[in-house]
Amino acid sequence: MADSRGHDESIRESIRIAHLAMLQGVITRMGANSFTLKALVAAFGSAAVAVMAAVEKPSPYYALAAILPMIILWLMDARYLRLERAYRRLYDHVRKGEGVEAYSLDATPFMKDTAPVLRLAVSWSVGWFYIPILLTLGTVASLVFFGI
């Protein structure tokens, strides 16, 4: 009888460890996606500045063409941060053994405890990257268009 309980506990622990590894993989992908979005925004900003500096008659539409996708990527980054935080809460519940179905990747119950996307967009971990890039692009665009 003791062997049976020990064996069952060992199986449960193996399942929990595998579940944690799966969740860690999801969390890692969220971080990688966030990094990729930041790299894209930096590229958009640099390209917009380069185009405005290189063309003979710059148009304000060049800046707008860069700003729109940058804002969309900014919101996507905030969304990834929101999802990552929910998955971290799910991970913590699995780690503690708190009633999560084995191998579940459903973080929906933990979304209600996570800040909304717009609040995360202006948080230090997201906003402090995007705001300076947009301000810099706006400043360069102003200098180019108004000849300041």
N, C-alpha and C. Protein backbone atom coordinates (compact mmCIF):
# COMPACT_ATOMS: atom_id res chain seq x y z
N MET A 1 0.82 -1.19 0.00
CA MET A 1 0.00 0.00 0.00
C MET A 1 0.86 1.26 0.00
N ALA A 2 1.90 1.27 0.81
CA ALA A 2 2.78 2.43 0.89
C ALA A 2 3.48 2.67 -0.44
N ASP A 3 3.85 1.57 -1.12
CA ASP A 3 4.50 1.72 -2.42
C ASP A 3 3.56 2.34 -3.43
N SER A 4 2.29 1.96 -3.37
CA SER A 4 1.30 2.47 -4.31
C SER A 4 1.12 3.98 -4.13
N ARG A 5 1.02 4.44 -2.87
CA ARG A 5 0.86 5.88 -2.61
C ARG A 5 2.10 6.63 -3.04
N GLY A 6 3.25 6.10 -2.78
CA GLY A 6 4.51 6.74 -3.16
C GLY A 6 4.64 6.83 -4.67
N HIS A 7 4.22 5.74 -5.35
CA HIS A 7 4.28 5.72 -6.81
C HIS A 7 3.31 6.75 -7.40
N ASP A 8 2.09 6.81 -6.85
CA ASP A 8 1.10 7.79 -7.33
C ASP A 8 1.60 9.22 -7.11
N GLU A 9 2.20 9.45 -5.96
CA GLU A 9 2.74 10.78 -5.67
C GLU A 9 3.88 11.12 -6.64
N SER A 10 4.70 10.16 -6.96
CA SER A 10 5.79 10.36 -7.91
C SER A 10 5.25 10.70 -9.30
N ILE A 11 4.20 10.03 -9.71
CA ILE A 11 3.58 10.31 -11.01
C ILE A 11 2.98 11.72 -11.01
N ARG A 12 2.28 12.09 -9.93
CA ARG A 12 1.70 13.43 -9.84
C ARG A 12 2.79 14.50 -9.90
N GLU A 13 3.91 14.24 -9.23
CA GLU A 13 5.02 15.20 -9.24
C GLU A 13 5.63 15.30 -10.64
N SER A 14 5.74 14.20 -11.35
CA SER A 14 6.26 14.22 -12.72
C SER A 14 5.33 15.01 -13.64
N ILE A 15 4.03 14.82 -13.46
CA ILE A 15 3.05 15.56 -14.25
C ILE A 15 3.15 17.05 -13.95
N ARG A 16 3.28 17.39 -12.67
CA ARG A 16 3.39 18.80 -12.27
C ARG A 16 4.64 19.44 -12.87
N ILE A 17 5.76 18.74 -12.84
CA ILE A 17 7.01 19.26 -13.41
C ILE A 17 6.88 19.45 -14.92
N ALA A 18 6.25 18.49 -15.60
CA ALA A 18 6.04 18.62 -17.05
C ALA A 18 5.12 19.79 -17.35
N HIS A 19 4.09 19.97 -16.53
CA HIS A 19 3.15 21.08 -16.69
C HIS A 19 3.89 22.41 -16.51
N LEU A 20 4.73 22.49 -15.49
CA LEU A 20 5.50 23.71 -15.25
C LEU A 20 6.43 24.01 -16.43
N ALA A 21 7.03 22.98 -16.99
CA ALA A 21 7.92 23.17 -18.15
C ALA A 21 7.14 23.69 -19.35
N MET A 22 5.94 23.18 -19.56
CA MET A 22 5.10 23.67 -20.66
C MET A 22 4.77 25.14 -20.45
N LEU A 23 4.38 25.49 -19.23
CA LEU A 23 4.04 26.88 -18.94
C LEU A 23 5.24 27.79 -19.09
N GLN A 24 6.41 27.32 -18.67
CA GLN A 24 7.61 28.12 -18.81
C GLN A 24 7.91 28.38 -20.29
N GLY A 25 7.64 27.39 -21.13
CA GLY A 25 7.82 27.58 -22.56
C GLY A 25 6.91 28.67 -23.11
N VAL A 26 5.66 28.69 -22.66
CA VAL A 26 4.72 29.73 -23.09
C VAL A 26 5.20 31.10 -22.62
N ILE A 27 5.62 31.19 -21.37
CA ILE A 27 6.09 32.46 -20.81
C ILE A 27 7.33 32.94 -21.56
N THR A 28 8.21 32.04 -21.90
CA THR A 28 9.42 32.39 -22.64
C THR A 28 9.06 32.93 -24.03
N ARG A 29 8.08 32.30 -24.68
CA ARG A 29 7.65 32.78 -26.00
C ARG A 29 7.05 34.18 -25.91
N MET A 30 6.31 34.44 -24.84
CA MET A 30 5.73 35.78 -24.66
C MET A 30 6.86 36.82 -24.56
N GLY A 31 7.89 36.52 -23.81
CA GLY A 31 9.02 37.43 -23.68
C GLY A 31 9.75 37.62 -25.00
N ALA A 32 9.91 36.54 -25.75
CA ALA A 32 10.58 36.62 -27.05
C ALA A 32 9.75 37.44 -28.03
N ASN A 33 8.43 37.27 -27.99
CA ASN A 33 7.55 38.06 -28.86
C ASN A 33 7.65 39.54 -28.53
N SER A 34 7.69 39.85 -27.25
CA SER A 34 7.82 41.24 -26.81
C SER A 34 9.12 41.85 -27.32
N PHE A 35 10.20 41.09 -27.22
CA PHE A 35 11.50 41.56 -27.69
C PHE A 35 11.46 41.81 -29.20
N THR A 36 10.83 40.92 -29.94
CA THR A 36 10.72 41.06 -31.39
C THR A 36 9.93 42.31 -31.76
N LEU A 37 8.85 42.57 -31.04
CA LEU A 37 8.06 43.77 -31.32
C LEU A 37 8.87 45.03 -31.06
N LYS A 38 9.64 45.03 -29.99
CA LYS A 38 10.49 46.19 -29.69
C LYS A 38 11.53 46.39 -30.80
N ALA A 39 12.09 45.31 -31.29
CA ALA A 39 13.07 45.42 -32.38
C ALA A 39 12.42 45.98 -33.64
N LEU A 40 11.20 45.55 -33.94
CA LEU A 40 10.48 46.07 -35.11
C LEU A 40 10.20 47.56 -34.98
N VAL A 41 9.81 47.98 -33.79
CA VAL A 41 9.52 49.40 -33.58
C VAL A 41 10.78 50.23 -33.73
N ALA A 42 11.88 49.75 -33.20
CA ALA A 42 13.15 50.46 -33.37
C ALA A 42 13.51 50.56 -34.85
N ALA A 43 13.26 49.52 -35.60
CA ALA A 43 13.54 49.53 -37.04
C ALA A 43 12.62 50.50 -37.76
N PHE A 44 11.32 50.50 -37.43
CA PHE A 44 10.38 51.45 -38.04
C PHE A 44 10.80 52.89 -37.76
N GLY A 45 11.14 53.16 -36.52
CA GLY A 45 11.56 54.51 -36.16
C GLY A 45 12.81 54.94 -36.89
N SER A 46 13.79 54.07 -36.93
CA SER A 46 15.05 54.38 -37.65
C SER A 46 14.80 54.56 -39.14
N ALA A 47 14.00 53.70 -39.72
CA ALA A 47 13.70 53.80 -41.15
C ALA A 47 12.97 55.09 -41.46
N ALA A 48 12.03 55.47 -40.62
CA ALA A 48 11.28 56.71 -40.86
C ALA A 48 12.21 57.92 -40.81
N VAL A 49 13.09 57.95 -39.83
CA VAL A 49 14.05 59.06 -39.73
C VAL A 49 14.95 59.07 -40.96
N ALA A 50 15.44 57.91 -41.37
CA ALA A 50 16.32 57.82 -42.53
C ALA A 50 15.62 58.28 -43.80
N VAL A 51 14.36 57.88 -43.98
CA VAL A 51 13.61 58.29 -45.18
C VAL A 51 13.38 59.79 -45.15
N MET A 52 12.99 60.33 -44.01
CA MET A 52 12.75 61.77 -43.94
C MET A 52 14.02 62.57 -44.21
N ALA A 53 15.15 62.05 -43.76
CA ALA A 53 16.42 62.75 -43.97
C ALA A 53 16.93 62.60 -45.40
N ALA A 54 16.55 61.53 -46.08
CA ALA A 54 17.11 61.23 -47.40
C ALA A 54 16.33 61.83 -48.56
N VAL A 55 15.04 62.01 -48.40
CA VAL A 55 14.24 62.49 -49.53
C VAL A 55 14.37 64.00 -49.67
N GLU A 56 14.19 64.45 -50.89
CA GLU A 56 14.33 65.88 -51.17
C GLU A 56 13.19 66.69 -50.56
N LYS A 57 11.97 66.18 -50.69
CA LYS A 57 10.80 66.87 -50.14
C LYS A 57 10.08 65.92 -49.19
N PRO A 58 10.47 65.93 -47.92
CA PRO A 58 9.82 65.02 -46.96
C PRO A 58 8.36 65.38 -46.76
N SER A 59 7.58 64.37 -46.53
CA SER A 59 6.15 64.53 -46.29
C SER A 59 5.83 64.09 -44.87
N PRO A 60 4.86 64.76 -44.25
CA PRO A 60 4.46 64.31 -42.90
C PRO A 60 3.87 62.91 -42.93
N TYR A 61 3.47 62.45 -44.10
CA TYR A 61 2.92 61.11 -44.21
C TYR A 61 3.97 60.02 -43.94
N TYR A 62 5.24 60.35 -44.15
CA TYR A 62 6.30 59.38 -43.82
C TYR A 62 6.29 59.07 -42.33
N ALA A 63 6.17 60.12 -41.53
CA ALA A 63 6.12 59.93 -40.07
C ALA A 63 4.85 59.18 -39.68
N LEU A 64 3.73 59.57 -40.28
CA LEU A 64 2.47 58.88 -39.97
C LEU A 64 2.52 57.41 -40.38
N ALA A 65 3.16 57.15 -41.51
CA ALA A 65 3.28 55.77 -41.98
C ALA A 65 4.09 54.92 -41.00
N ALA A 66 5.00 55.53 -40.28
CA ALA A 66 5.78 54.79 -39.29
C ALA A 66 5.07 54.75 -37.94
N ILE A 67 4.41 55.84 -37.58
CA ILE A 67 3.79 55.93 -36.25
C ILE A 67 2.64 54.95 -36.09
N LEU A 68 1.81 54.80 -37.10
CA LEU A 68 0.65 53.91 -36.98
C LEU A 68 1.06 52.47 -36.66
N PRO A 69 1.98 51.84 -37.41
CA PRO A 69 2.37 50.48 -37.04
C PRO A 69 3.10 50.43 -35.69
N MET A 70 3.81 51.51 -35.35
CA MET A 70 4.50 51.54 -34.06
C MET A 70 3.50 51.51 -32.91
N ILE A 71 2.41 52.24 -33.05
CA ILE A 71 1.37 52.24 -32.01
C ILE A 71 0.70 50.87 -31.93
N ILE A 72 0.43 50.27 -33.07
CA ILE A 72 -0.17 48.93 -33.08
C ILE A 72 0.77 47.93 -32.40
N LEU A 73 2.05 47.98 -32.72
CA LEU A 73 3.02 47.07 -32.10
C LEU A 73 3.16 47.35 -30.61
N TRP A 74 3.06 48.60 -30.21
CA TRP A 74 3.10 48.99 -28.80
C TRP A 74 1.95 48.32 -28.05
N LEU A 75 0.75 48.39 -28.61
CA LEU A 75 -0.40 47.76 -27.97
C LEU A 75 -0.28 46.23 -27.96
N MET A 76 0.29 45.69 -29.04
CA MET A 76 0.51 44.23 -29.06
C MET A 76 1.50 43.83 -27.96
N ASP A 77 2.54 44.62 -27.77
CA ASP A 77 3.52 44.34 -26.73
C ASP A 77 2.86 44.36 -25.36
N ALA A 78 2.01 45.35 -25.12
CA ALA A 78 1.29 45.42 -23.85
C ALA A 78 0.38 44.20 -23.68
N ARG A 79 -0.22 43.75 -24.76
CA ARG A 79 -1.08 42.55 -24.71
C ARG A 79 -0.24 41.32 -24.35
N TYR A 80 0.95 41.20 -24.96
CA TYR A 80 1.82 40.08 -24.61
C TYR A 80 2.23 40.13 -23.14
N LEU A 81 2.50 41.33 -22.63
CA LEU A 81 2.84 41.46 -21.22
C LEU A 81 1.67 41.03 -20.34
N ARG A 82 0.47 41.40 -20.73
CA ARG A 82 -0.73 41.00 -19.97
C ARG A 82 -0.88 39.47 -19.96
N LEU A 83 -0.72 38.87 -21.13
CA LEU A 83 -0.80 37.41 -21.20
C LEU A 83 0.32 36.75 -20.39
N GLU A 84 1.52 37.29 -20.49
CA GLU A 84 2.64 36.73 -19.75
C GLU A 84 2.37 36.77 -18.24
N ARG A 85 1.82 37.87 -17.77
CA ARG A 85 1.51 37.97 -16.33
C ARG A 85 0.45 36.96 -15.91
N ALA A 86 -0.55 36.75 -16.77
CA ALA A 86 -1.58 35.75 -16.46
C ALA A 86 -0.97 34.35 -16.43
N TYR A 87 -0.08 34.05 -17.37
CA TYR A 87 0.57 32.75 -17.39
C TYR A 87 1.50 32.57 -16.20
N ARG A 88 2.10 33.65 -15.74
CA ARG A 88 2.94 33.56 -14.54
C ARG A 88 2.09 33.23 -13.31
N ARG A 89 0.88 33.76 -13.27
CA ARG A 89 -0.03 33.43 -12.16
C ARG A 89 -0.46 31.96 -12.24
N LEU A 90 -0.77 31.52 -13.47
CA LEU A 90 -1.11 30.10 -13.66
C LEU A 90 0.06 29.23 -13.25
N TYR A 91 1.27 29.60 -13.67
CA TYR A 91 2.48 28.86 -13.30
C TYR A 91 2.61 28.77 -11.78
N ASP A 92 2.38 29.89 -11.09
CA ASP A 92 2.50 29.91 -9.64
C ASP A 92 1.47 28.98 -8.98
N HIS A 93 0.26 28.94 -9.51
CA HIS A 93 -0.76 28.04 -8.96
C HIS A 93 -0.38 26.57 -9.17
N VAL A 94 0.17 26.26 -10.33
CA VAL A 94 0.61 24.89 -10.59
C VAL A 94 1.78 24.55 -9.67
N ARG A 95 2.70 25.49 -9.53
CA ARG A 95 3.88 25.26 -8.67
C ARG A 95 3.46 24.95 -7.23
N LYS A 96 2.44 25.65 -6.76
CA LYS A 96 1.96 25.45 -5.39
C LYS A 96 1.01 24.26 -5.28
N GLY A 97 0.61 23.69 -6.40
CA GLY A 97 -0.32 22.57 -6.39
C GLY A 97 -1.74 22.99 -6.07
N GLU A 98 -2.13 24.18 -6.51
CA GLU A 98 -3.44 24.75 -6.19
C GLU A 98 -4.47 24.49 -7.28
N GLY A 99 -5.04 23.33 -7.30
CA GLY A 99 -6.20 22.98 -8.10
C GLY A 99 -6.24 23.45 -9.54
N VAL A 100 -5.20 23.19 -10.29
CA VAL A 100 -5.22 23.47 -11.73
C VAL A 100 -5.17 22.13 -12.43
N GLU A 101 -6.05 21.95 -13.43
CA GLU A 101 -6.09 20.69 -14.17
C GLU A 101 -4.73 20.43 -14.82
N ALA A 102 -4.29 19.19 -14.75
CA ALA A 102 -3.00 18.80 -15.31
C ALA A 102 -2.91 19.19 -16.79
N TYR A 103 -1.80 19.80 -17.14
CA TYR A 103 -1.47 20.21 -18.50
C TYR A 103 -2.37 21.31 -19.05
N SER A 104 -3.14 21.96 -18.21
CA SER A 104 -3.98 23.06 -18.67
C SER A 104 -3.12 24.27 -19.00
N LEU A 105 -3.38 24.88 -20.14
CA LEU A 105 -2.70 26.11 -20.53
C LEU A 105 -3.69 27.28 -20.56
N ASP A 106 -4.83 27.10 -19.91
CA ASP A 106 -5.86 28.13 -19.90
C ASP A 106 -5.57 29.15 -18.81
N ALA A 107 -5.10 30.33 -19.22
CA ALA A 107 -4.78 31.40 -18.27
C ALA A 107 -5.94 32.38 -18.11
N THR A 108 -7.06 32.11 -18.77
CA THR A 108 -8.21 33.00 -18.72
C THR A 108 -8.65 33.36 -17.30
N PRO A 109 -8.70 32.41 -16.37
CA PRO A 109 -9.12 32.78 -15.01
C PRO A 109 -8.20 33.79 -14.34
N PHE A 110 -6.98 33.92 -14.82
CA PHE A 110 -6.01 34.81 -14.19
C PHE A 110 -5.95 36.17 -14.88
N MET A 111 -6.67 36.33 -15.98
CA MET A 111 -6.67 37.61 -16.70
C MET A 111 -7.37 38.70 -15.89
N LYS A 112 -8.36 38.32 -15.10
CA LYS A 112 -9.09 39.33 -14.33
C LYS A 112 -8.21 40.00 -13.28
N ASP A 113 -7.14 39.34 -12.88
CA ASP A 113 -6.22 39.90 -11.88
C ASP A 113 -5.06 40.65 -12.53
N THR A 114 -5.09 40.81 -13.84
CA THR A 114 -4.00 41.45 -14.58
C THR A 114 -4.49 42.79 -15.11
N ALA A 115 -3.63 43.79 -15.05
CA ALA A 115 -3.99 45.14 -15.50
C ALA A 115 -4.41 45.13 -16.96
N PRO A 116 -5.30 46.05 -17.34
CA PRO A 116 -5.72 46.14 -18.74
C PRO A 116 -4.57 46.54 -19.66
N VAL A 117 -4.73 46.27 -20.94
CA VAL A 117 -3.69 46.51 -21.93
C VAL A 117 -3.26 47.98 -21.94
N LEU A 118 -4.21 48.91 -21.92
CA LEU A 118 -3.84 50.32 -22.00
C LEU A 118 -3.03 50.77 -20.78
N ARG A 119 -3.34 50.24 -19.62
CA ARG A 119 -2.55 50.57 -18.42
C ARG A 119 -1.15 50.00 -18.54
N LEU A 120 -1.05 48.78 -19.05
CA LEU A 120 0.28 48.17 -19.23
C LEU A 120 1.07 48.89 -20.33
N ALA A 121 0.36 49.46 -21.31
CA ALA A 121 1.05 50.16 -22.40
C ALA A 121 1.83 51.37 -21.88
N VAL A 122 1.37 51.97 -20.79
CA VAL A 122 2.08 53.13 -20.23
C VAL A 122 2.90 52.78 -19.00
N SER A 123 2.99 51.49 -18.70
CA SER A 123 3.80 51.06 -17.56
C SER A 123 5.28 51.23 -17.87
N TRP A 124 6.10 51.19 -16.85
CA TRP A 124 7.54 51.41 -17.05
C TRP A 124 8.16 50.38 -17.97
N SER A 125 7.68 49.14 -17.93
CA SER A 125 8.31 48.09 -18.73
C SER A 125 7.94 48.14 -20.21
N VAL A 126 6.90 48.86 -20.55
CA VAL A 126 6.49 48.97 -21.95
C VAL A 126 6.58 50.42 -22.43
N GLY A 127 5.90 51.30 -21.72
CA GLY A 127 5.82 52.70 -22.14
C GLY A 127 7.16 53.40 -22.22
N TRP A 128 8.06 53.08 -21.30
CA TRP A 128 9.36 53.76 -21.30
C TRP A 128 10.22 53.36 -22.49
N PHE A 129 9.82 52.38 -23.24
CA PHE A 129 10.51 52.05 -24.48
C PHE A 129 9.88 52.79 -25.66
N TYR A 130 8.55 52.73 -25.75
CA TYR A 130 7.86 53.26 -26.92
C TYR A 130 7.71 54.78 -26.90
N ILE A 131 7.43 55.35 -25.76
CA ILE A 131 7.22 56.80 -25.69
C ILE A 131 8.44 57.58 -26.17
N PRO A 132 9.66 57.27 -25.70
CA PRO A 132 10.81 58.03 -26.21
C PRO A 132 11.03 57.88 -27.72
N ILE A 133 10.77 56.69 -28.25
CA ILE A 133 10.93 56.50 -29.70
C ILE A 133 9.93 57.36 -30.47
N LEU A 134 8.68 57.37 -30.01
CA LEU A 134 7.67 58.18 -30.69
C LEU A 134 7.95 59.67 -30.53
N LEU A 135 8.40 60.07 -29.35
CA LEU A 135 8.75 61.48 -29.15
C LEU A 135 9.93 61.89 -30.02
N THR A 136 10.91 61.02 -30.12
CA THR A 136 12.07 61.31 -30.97
C THR A 136 11.65 61.42 -32.43
N LEU A 137 10.83 60.50 -32.88
CA LEU A 137 10.35 60.55 -34.26
C LEU A 137 9.55 61.82 -34.49
N GLY A 138 8.71 62.18 -33.54
CA GLY A 138 7.93 63.42 -33.66
C GLY A 138 8.82 64.65 -33.70
N THR A 139 9.86 64.65 -32.88
CA THR A 139 10.79 65.78 -32.85
C THR A 139 11.54 65.90 -34.18
N VAL A 140 12.05 64.78 -34.67
CA VAL A 140 12.77 64.79 -35.96
C VAL A 140 11.82 65.22 -37.07
N ALA A 141 10.60 64.70 -37.06
CA ALA A 141 9.63 65.08 -38.10
C ALA A 141 9.36 66.58 -38.03
N SER A 142 9.22 67.12 -36.85
CA SER A 142 8.99 68.57 -36.70
C SER A 142 10.16 69.36 -37.23
N LEU A 143 11.35 68.93 -36.89
CA LEU A 143 12.55 69.63 -37.38
C LEU A 143 12.64 69.59 -38.90
N VAL A 144 12.33 68.46 -39.48
CA VAL A 144 12.42 68.31 -40.93
C VAL A 144 11.32 69.12 -41.63
N PHE A 145 10.09 69.02 -41.16
CA PHE A 145 8.98 69.64 -41.84
C PHE A 145 8.91 71.15 -41.64
N PHE A 146 9.28 71.59 -40.45
CA PHE A 146 9.16 73.01 -40.15
C PHE A 146 10.49 73.74 -40.26
N GLY A 147 11.54 73.00 -40.59
CA GLY A 147 12.85 73.60 -40.79
C GLY A 147 13.40 74.28 -39.55
N ILE A 148 13.07 73.77 -38.42
CA ILE A 148 13.52 74.37 -37.15
C ILE A 148 14.97 74.07 -36.89
